[in-house]
Amino acid sequence: QVQLVESGGGLVQAGGSLRLSCAASGSIFIINLMGWYRHSPGKQRELVAVSTNGGSPTYADSVKGRFTISRDNAKNTVYLQMNSLRPEDTAVYYCKANLRSTTGWSDYWGQGTQVTVSS
């Protein structure tokens, strides 16, 4: 069984910072992609930032220059450093991984972590 466990969400004032973490565990052979998506009420789930093996990170236009994605491949962990947070960043943030396990290649999602930015 593969699990993604997220941490680091919370309540912060506008202009503040938060760091999200997501650790993948289980019978994992290789991870191709790890990233973050978010979902807020009334909106579709949207890509925030993703990191693929051998490629440059991809960011949503709305977070460029404010958010930074990084990975620790030895720990199968992805981080999202969020600076200069805005109220519109309020959402549930989900970690996603595309990886190969004993059952082959699949996408996996974390349970989500709430980020609330107050004005």
N, C-alpha and C. Protein backbone atom coordinates (compact mmCIF):
# COMPACT_ATOMS: atom_id res chain seq x y z
N GLN A 1 0.84 -1.19 0.00
CA GLN A 1 0.00 0.00 0.00
C GLN A 1 0.88 1.25 0.00
N VAL A 2 0.49 2.19 -0.84
CA VAL A 2 1.19 3.47 -0.90
C VAL A 2 0.35 4.52 -0.20
N GLN A 3 0.99 5.33 0.60
CA GLN A 3 0.30 6.42 1.29
C GLN A 3 1.05 7.71 1.10
N LEU A 4 0.28 8.80 0.97
CA LEU A 4 0.85 10.14 0.98
C LEU A 4 0.30 10.85 2.21
N VAL A 5 1.19 11.35 3.03
CA VAL A 5 0.79 12.02 4.26
C VAL A 5 1.29 13.45 4.23
N GLU A 6 0.33 14.37 4.33
CA GLU A 6 0.64 15.79 4.27
C GLU A 6 0.67 16.40 5.66
N SER A 7 1.39 17.49 5.78
CA SER A 7 1.42 18.24 7.03
C SER A 7 1.82 19.68 6.72
N GLY A 8 1.54 20.56 7.69
CA GLY A 8 2.01 21.93 7.57
C GLY A 8 0.97 22.98 7.29
N GLY A 9 -0.27 22.57 7.08
CA GLY A 9 -1.31 23.57 6.85
C GLY A 9 -1.64 24.33 8.11
N GLY A 10 -2.49 25.34 7.98
CA GLY A 10 -2.88 26.10 9.14
C GLY A 10 -3.46 27.44 8.78
N LEU A 11 -3.55 28.30 9.79
CA LEU A 11 -4.10 29.65 9.64
C LEU A 11 -2.95 30.65 9.71
N VAL A 12 -2.92 31.56 8.76
CA VAL A 12 -1.87 32.56 8.73
C VAL A 12 -2.44 33.88 8.22
N GLN A 13 -1.85 34.96 8.64
CA GLN A 13 -2.29 36.27 8.15
C GLN A 13 -1.73 36.53 6.76
N ALA A 14 -2.41 37.37 6.02
CA ALA A 14 -1.92 37.76 4.69
C ALA A 14 -0.51 38.31 4.81
N GLY A 15 0.33 37.89 3.86
CA GLY A 15 1.73 38.27 3.88
C GLY A 15 2.62 37.29 4.59
N GLY A 16 2.02 36.35 5.28
CA GLY A 16 2.78 35.36 6.04
C GLY A 16 3.24 34.20 5.18
N SER A 17 3.83 33.21 5.85
CA SER A 17 4.40 32.06 5.16
C SER A 17 3.96 30.77 5.83
N LEU A 18 3.90 29.72 5.03
CA LEU A 18 3.68 28.36 5.51
C LEU A 18 4.52 27.42 4.66
N ARG A 19 4.86 26.28 5.25
CA ARG A 19 5.58 25.25 4.51
C ARG A 19 4.80 23.94 4.63
N LEU A 20 4.40 23.41 3.49
CA LEU A 20 3.71 22.13 3.45
C LEU A 20 4.71 21.02 3.15
N SER A 21 4.44 19.86 3.73
CA SER A 21 5.26 18.67 3.47
C SER A 21 4.35 17.52 3.09
N CYS A 22 4.86 16.63 2.25
CA CYS A 22 4.13 15.43 1.86
C CYS A 22 5.13 14.30 1.70
N ALA A 23 4.94 13.26 2.50
CA ALA A 23 5.83 12.12 2.45
C ALA A 23 5.09 10.91 1.88
N ALA A 24 5.71 10.27 0.91
CA ALA A 24 5.16 9.05 0.32
C ALA A 24 5.82 7.84 0.97
N SER A 25 5.00 6.85 1.29
CA SER A 25 5.54 5.64 1.91
C SER A 25 4.87 4.41 1.32
N GLY A 26 5.52 3.27 1.50
CA GLY A 26 4.99 2.02 0.97
C GLY A 26 6.00 1.37 0.04
N SER A 27 5.52 0.43 -0.73
CA SER A 27 6.39 -0.31 -1.65
C SER A 27 6.58 0.47 -2.94
N ILE A 28 7.44 1.47 -2.88
CA ILE A 28 7.65 2.40 -3.99
C ILE A 28 8.96 2.07 -4.68
N PHE A 29 8.90 1.91 -6.00
CA PHE A 29 10.12 1.67 -6.77
C PHE A 29 10.71 2.96 -7.28
N ILE A 30 9.86 3.80 -7.85
CA ILE A 30 10.35 5.06 -8.39
C ILE A 30 9.19 6.06 -8.42
N ILE A 31 9.52 7.32 -8.16
CA ILE A 31 8.54 8.40 -8.23
C ILE A 31 8.90 9.31 -9.39
N ASN A 32 7.96 9.51 -10.29
CA ASN A 32 8.19 10.38 -11.44
C ASN A 32 7.81 11.82 -11.13
N LEU A 33 6.66 11.99 -10.54
CA LEU A 33 6.14 13.34 -10.30
C LEU A 33 5.64 13.45 -8.87
N MET A 34 5.92 14.57 -8.26
CA MET A 34 5.29 14.93 -6.99
C MET A 34 4.89 16.39 -7.08
N GLY A 35 3.73 16.69 -6.56
CA GLY A 35 3.28 18.07 -6.66
C GLY A 35 2.13 18.39 -5.76
N TRP A 36 1.64 19.60 -5.94
CA TRP A 36 0.57 20.13 -5.11
C TRP A 36 -0.56 20.70 -5.96
N TYR A 37 -1.75 20.40 -5.54
CA TYR A 37 -2.96 20.97 -6.13
C TYR A 37 -3.76 21.57 -4.99
N ARG A 38 -4.72 22.42 -5.34
CA ARG A 38 -5.58 22.98 -4.30
C ARG A 38 -7.01 23.08 -4.79
N HIS A 39 -7.90 23.09 -3.82
CA HIS A 39 -9.33 23.16 -4.10
C HIS A 39 -9.97 24.09 -3.11
N SER A 40 -10.64 25.09 -3.62
CA SER A 40 -11.39 26.01 -2.77
C SER A 40 -12.85 25.96 -3.18
N PRO A 41 -13.77 26.31 -2.28
CA PRO A 41 -15.21 26.22 -2.57
C PRO A 41 -15.59 27.01 -3.82
N GLY A 42 -16.37 26.39 -4.66
CA GLY A 42 -16.84 27.06 -5.86
C GLY A 42 -15.87 27.04 -7.01
N LYS A 43 -14.72 26.43 -6.80
CA LYS A 43 -13.71 26.36 -7.86
C LYS A 43 -13.31 24.91 -8.12
N GLN A 44 -12.77 24.68 -9.29
CA GLN A 44 -12.23 23.36 -9.59
C GLN A 44 -10.85 23.21 -8.96
N ARG A 45 -10.49 21.95 -8.74
CA ARG A 45 -9.14 21.69 -8.23
C ARG A 45 -8.14 22.19 -9.27
N GLU A 46 -7.12 22.90 -8.80
CA GLU A 46 -6.14 23.47 -9.72
C GLU A 46 -4.73 23.09 -9.33
N LEU A 47 -3.88 23.02 -10.34
CA LEU A 47 -2.47 22.76 -10.11
C LEU A 47 -1.84 23.97 -9.44
N VAL A 48 -1.04 23.73 -8.43
CA VAL A 48 -0.27 24.79 -7.77
C VAL A 48 1.18 24.72 -8.22
N ALA A 49 1.80 23.56 -8.05
CA ALA A 49 3.19 23.36 -8.44
C ALA A 49 3.48 21.88 -8.53
N VAL A 50 4.23 21.48 -9.54
CA VAL A 50 4.63 20.08 -9.68
C VAL A 50 6.10 20.00 -10.03
N SER A 51 6.71 18.91 -9.61
CA SER A 51 8.12 18.66 -9.90
C SER A 51 8.24 17.25 -10.49
N THR A 52 8.84 17.16 -11.67
CA THR A 52 9.05 15.87 -12.31
C THR A 52 10.54 15.57 -12.39
N ASN A 53 10.85 14.29 -12.46
CA ASN A 53 12.24 13.89 -12.56
C ASN A 53 12.87 14.45 -13.83
N GLY A 54 13.95 15.16 -13.67
CA GLY A 54 14.68 15.66 -14.82
C GLY A 54 14.09 16.89 -15.48
N GLY A 55 13.01 17.41 -14.91
CA GLY A 55 12.38 18.57 -15.51
C GLY A 55 12.36 19.77 -14.58
N SER A 56 12.04 20.91 -15.14
CA SER A 56 11.91 22.11 -14.32
C SER A 56 10.54 22.12 -13.65
N PRO A 57 10.44 22.66 -12.47
CA PRO A 57 9.13 22.74 -11.81
C PRO A 57 8.15 23.57 -12.62
N THR A 58 6.89 23.22 -12.48
CA THR A 58 5.81 23.97 -13.11
C THR A 58 4.98 24.62 -12.02
N TYR A 59 4.68 25.89 -12.21
CA TYR A 59 3.90 26.64 -11.23
C TYR A 59 2.67 27.27 -11.89
N ALA A 60 1.62 27.38 -11.11
CA ALA A 60 0.48 28.19 -11.55
C ALA A 60 0.94 29.64 -11.61
N ASP A 61 0.40 30.37 -12.58
CA ASP A 61 0.78 31.78 -12.71
C ASP A 61 0.53 32.55 -11.43
N SER A 62 -0.52 32.19 -10.74
CA SER A 62 -0.92 32.95 -9.55
C SER A 62 0.05 32.79 -8.38
N VAL A 63 0.93 31.79 -8.44
CA VAL A 63 1.85 31.57 -7.31
C VAL A 63 3.31 31.78 -7.69
N LYS A 64 3.57 32.04 -8.95
CA LYS A 64 4.96 32.24 -9.38
C LYS A 64 5.60 33.39 -8.62
N GLY A 65 6.81 33.15 -8.17
CA GLY A 65 7.53 34.16 -7.41
C GLY A 65 7.21 34.17 -5.93
N ARG A 66 6.18 33.43 -5.54
CA ARG A 66 5.80 33.39 -4.12
C ARG A 66 5.96 31.99 -3.52
N PHE A 67 5.68 30.97 -4.32
CA PHE A 67 5.75 29.58 -3.84
C PHE A 67 6.95 28.90 -4.47
N THR A 68 7.55 27.98 -3.72
CA THR A 68 8.66 27.19 -4.21
C THR A 68 8.46 25.73 -3.86
N ILE A 69 8.54 24.86 -4.87
CA ILE A 69 8.42 23.43 -4.65
C ILE A 69 9.82 22.83 -4.62
N SER A 70 10.01 21.86 -3.73
CA SER A 70 11.29 21.16 -3.66
C SER A 70 11.04 19.71 -3.26
N ARG A 71 12.01 18.86 -3.55
CA ARG A 71 11.87 17.44 -3.24
C ARG A 71 13.11 16.93 -2.54
N ASP A 72 12.89 15.98 -1.65
CA ASP A 72 13.97 15.20 -1.06
C ASP A 72 13.74 13.77 -1.51
N ASN A 73 14.42 13.38 -2.58
CA ASN A 73 14.16 12.07 -3.17
C ASN A 73 14.53 10.92 -2.23
N ALA A 74 15.51 11.15 -1.38
CA ALA A 74 15.92 10.10 -0.44
C ALA A 74 14.81 9.80 0.56
N LYS A 75 13.97 10.80 0.81
CA LYS A 75 12.88 10.64 1.77
C LYS A 75 11.51 10.53 1.09
N ASN A 76 11.50 10.50 -0.24
CA ASN A 76 10.22 10.47 -0.99
C ASN A 76 9.27 11.57 -0.50
N THR A 77 9.82 12.75 -0.35
CA THR A 77 9.07 13.85 0.24
C THR A 77 9.13 15.07 -0.68
N VAL A 78 8.00 15.76 -0.75
CA VAL A 78 7.92 17.01 -1.49
C VAL A 78 7.47 18.11 -0.54
N TYR A 79 8.01 19.29 -0.76
CA TYR A 79 7.70 20.44 0.08
C TYR A 79 7.13 21.56 -0.78
N LEU A 80 6.34 22.41 -0.15
CA LEU A 80 5.86 23.61 -0.81
C LEU A 80 6.05 24.77 0.16
N GLN A 81 7.02 25.61 -0.14
CA GLN A 81 7.24 26.81 0.65
C GLN A 81 6.37 27.91 0.09
N MET A 82 5.48 28.43 0.91
CA MET A 82 4.52 29.44 0.46
C MET A 82 4.80 30.74 1.21
N ASN A 83 5.21 31.74 0.45
CA ASN A 83 5.49 33.06 1.03
C ASN A 83 4.50 34.08 0.48
N SER A 84 4.46 35.22 1.13
CA SER A 84 3.57 36.31 0.70
C SER A 84 2.16 35.80 0.45
N LEU A 85 1.65 35.06 1.39
CA LEU A 85 0.33 34.44 1.20
C LEU A 85 -0.77 35.49 1.12
N ARG A 86 -1.77 35.16 0.32
CA ARG A 86 -2.90 36.04 0.09
C ARG A 86 -4.18 35.32 0.48
N PRO A 87 -5.24 36.07 0.79
CA PRO A 87 -6.50 35.40 1.12
C PRO A 87 -6.98 34.46 0.03
N GLU A 88 -6.70 34.78 -1.21
CA GLU A 88 -7.14 33.92 -2.32
C GLU A 88 -6.35 32.61 -2.39
N ASP A 89 -5.32 32.46 -1.59
CA ASP A 89 -4.60 31.19 -1.51
C ASP A 89 -5.31 30.21 -0.57
N THR A 90 -6.33 30.68 0.11
CA THR A 90 -7.08 29.81 1.02
C THR A 90 -7.70 28.66 0.25
N ALA A 91 -7.41 27.44 0.69
CA ALA A 91 -7.89 26.24 0.01
C ALA A 91 -7.44 25.02 0.79
N VAL A 92 -7.97 23.88 0.36
CA VAL A 92 -7.41 22.60 0.80
C VAL A 92 -6.33 22.23 -0.20
N TYR A 93 -5.14 21.97 0.29
CA TYR A 93 -4.02 21.63 -0.56
C TYR A 93 -3.80 20.13 -0.54
N TYR A 94 -3.70 19.56 -1.74
CA TYR A 94 -3.53 18.12 -1.89
C TYR A 94 -2.19 17.81 -2.53
N CYS A 95 -1.55 16.81 -1.99
CA CYS A 95 -0.32 16.31 -2.57
C CYS A 95 -0.66 15.21 -3.57
N LYS A 96 0.07 15.18 -4.66
CA LYS A 96 -0.10 14.14 -5.68
C LYS A 96 1.25 13.55 -6.03
N ALA A 97 1.26 12.25 -6.25
CA ALA A 97 2.47 11.59 -6.72
C ALA A 97 2.13 10.62 -7.83
N ASN A 98 2.92 10.62 -8.86
CA ASN A 98 2.84 9.61 -9.92
C ASN A 98 4.05 8.71 -9.72
N LEU A 99 3.77 7.45 -9.40
CA LEU A 99 4.87 6.58 -9.02
C LEU A 99 4.61 5.14 -9.44
N ARG A 100 5.70 4.38 -9.38
CA ARG A 100 5.61 2.95 -9.68
C ARG A 100 5.77 2.17 -8.38
N SER A 101 4.80 1.35 -8.10
CA SER A 101 4.86 0.49 -6.92
C SER A 101 4.77 -0.96 -7.38
N THR A 102 4.49 -1.84 -6.46
CA THR A 102 4.36 -3.26 -6.81
C THR A 102 3.19 -3.51 -7.74
N THR A 103 2.25 -2.56 -7.82
CA THR A 103 1.08 -2.73 -8.68
C THR A 103 1.21 -1.95 -9.98
N GLY A 104 2.39 -1.40 -10.25
CA GLY A 104 2.61 -0.66 -11.48
C GLY A 104 2.53 0.84 -11.27
N TRP A 105 2.40 1.58 -12.38
CA TRP A 105 2.35 3.05 -12.33
C TRP A 105 0.94 3.52 -12.00
N SER A 106 0.84 4.46 -11.04
CA SER A 106 -0.45 5.03 -10.68
C SER A 106 -0.26 6.42 -10.09
N ASP A 107 -1.37 7.15 -10.06
CA ASP A 107 -1.41 8.43 -9.34
C ASP A 107 -1.96 8.19 -7.94
N TYR A 108 -1.36 8.86 -6.99
CA TYR A 108 -1.82 8.78 -5.61
C TYR A 108 -2.01 10.19 -5.07
N TRP A 109 -2.98 10.33 -4.17
CA TRP A 109 -3.31 11.62 -3.59
C TRP A 109 -3.26 11.53 -2.07
N GLY A 110 -2.86 12.64 -1.47
CA GLY A 110 -2.93 12.75 -0.02
C GLY A 110 -4.33 13.12 0.42
N GLN A 111 -4.51 13.20 1.72
CA GLN A 111 -5.84 13.45 2.27
C GLN A 111 -6.20 14.93 2.26
N GLY A 112 -5.23 15.78 2.02
CA GLY A 112 -5.48 17.22 1.98
C GLY A 112 -5.16 17.90 3.29
N THR A 113 -4.68 19.12 3.18
CA THR A 113 -4.40 19.93 4.37
C THR A 113 -4.94 21.34 4.14
N GLN A 114 -5.65 21.86 5.13
CA GLN A 114 -6.30 23.16 4.98
C GLN A 114 -5.30 24.29 5.19
N VAL A 115 -5.33 25.23 4.27
CA VAL A 115 -4.56 26.47 4.40
C VAL A 115 -5.56 27.62 4.38
N THR A 116 -5.55 28.42 5.43
CA THR A 116 -6.45 29.56 5.53
C THR A 116 -5.63 30.82 5.73
N VAL A 117 -5.84 31.79 4.85
CA VAL A 117 -5.12 33.06 4.92
C VAL A 117 -6.12 34.16 5.24
N SER A 118 -5.93 34.80 6.36
CA SER A 118 -6.84 35.86 6.78
C SER A 118 -6.34 37.21 6.30
N SER A 119 -7.29 38.08 6.02
CA SER A 119 -6.92 39.42 5.51
C SER A 119 -6.72 40.41 6.64
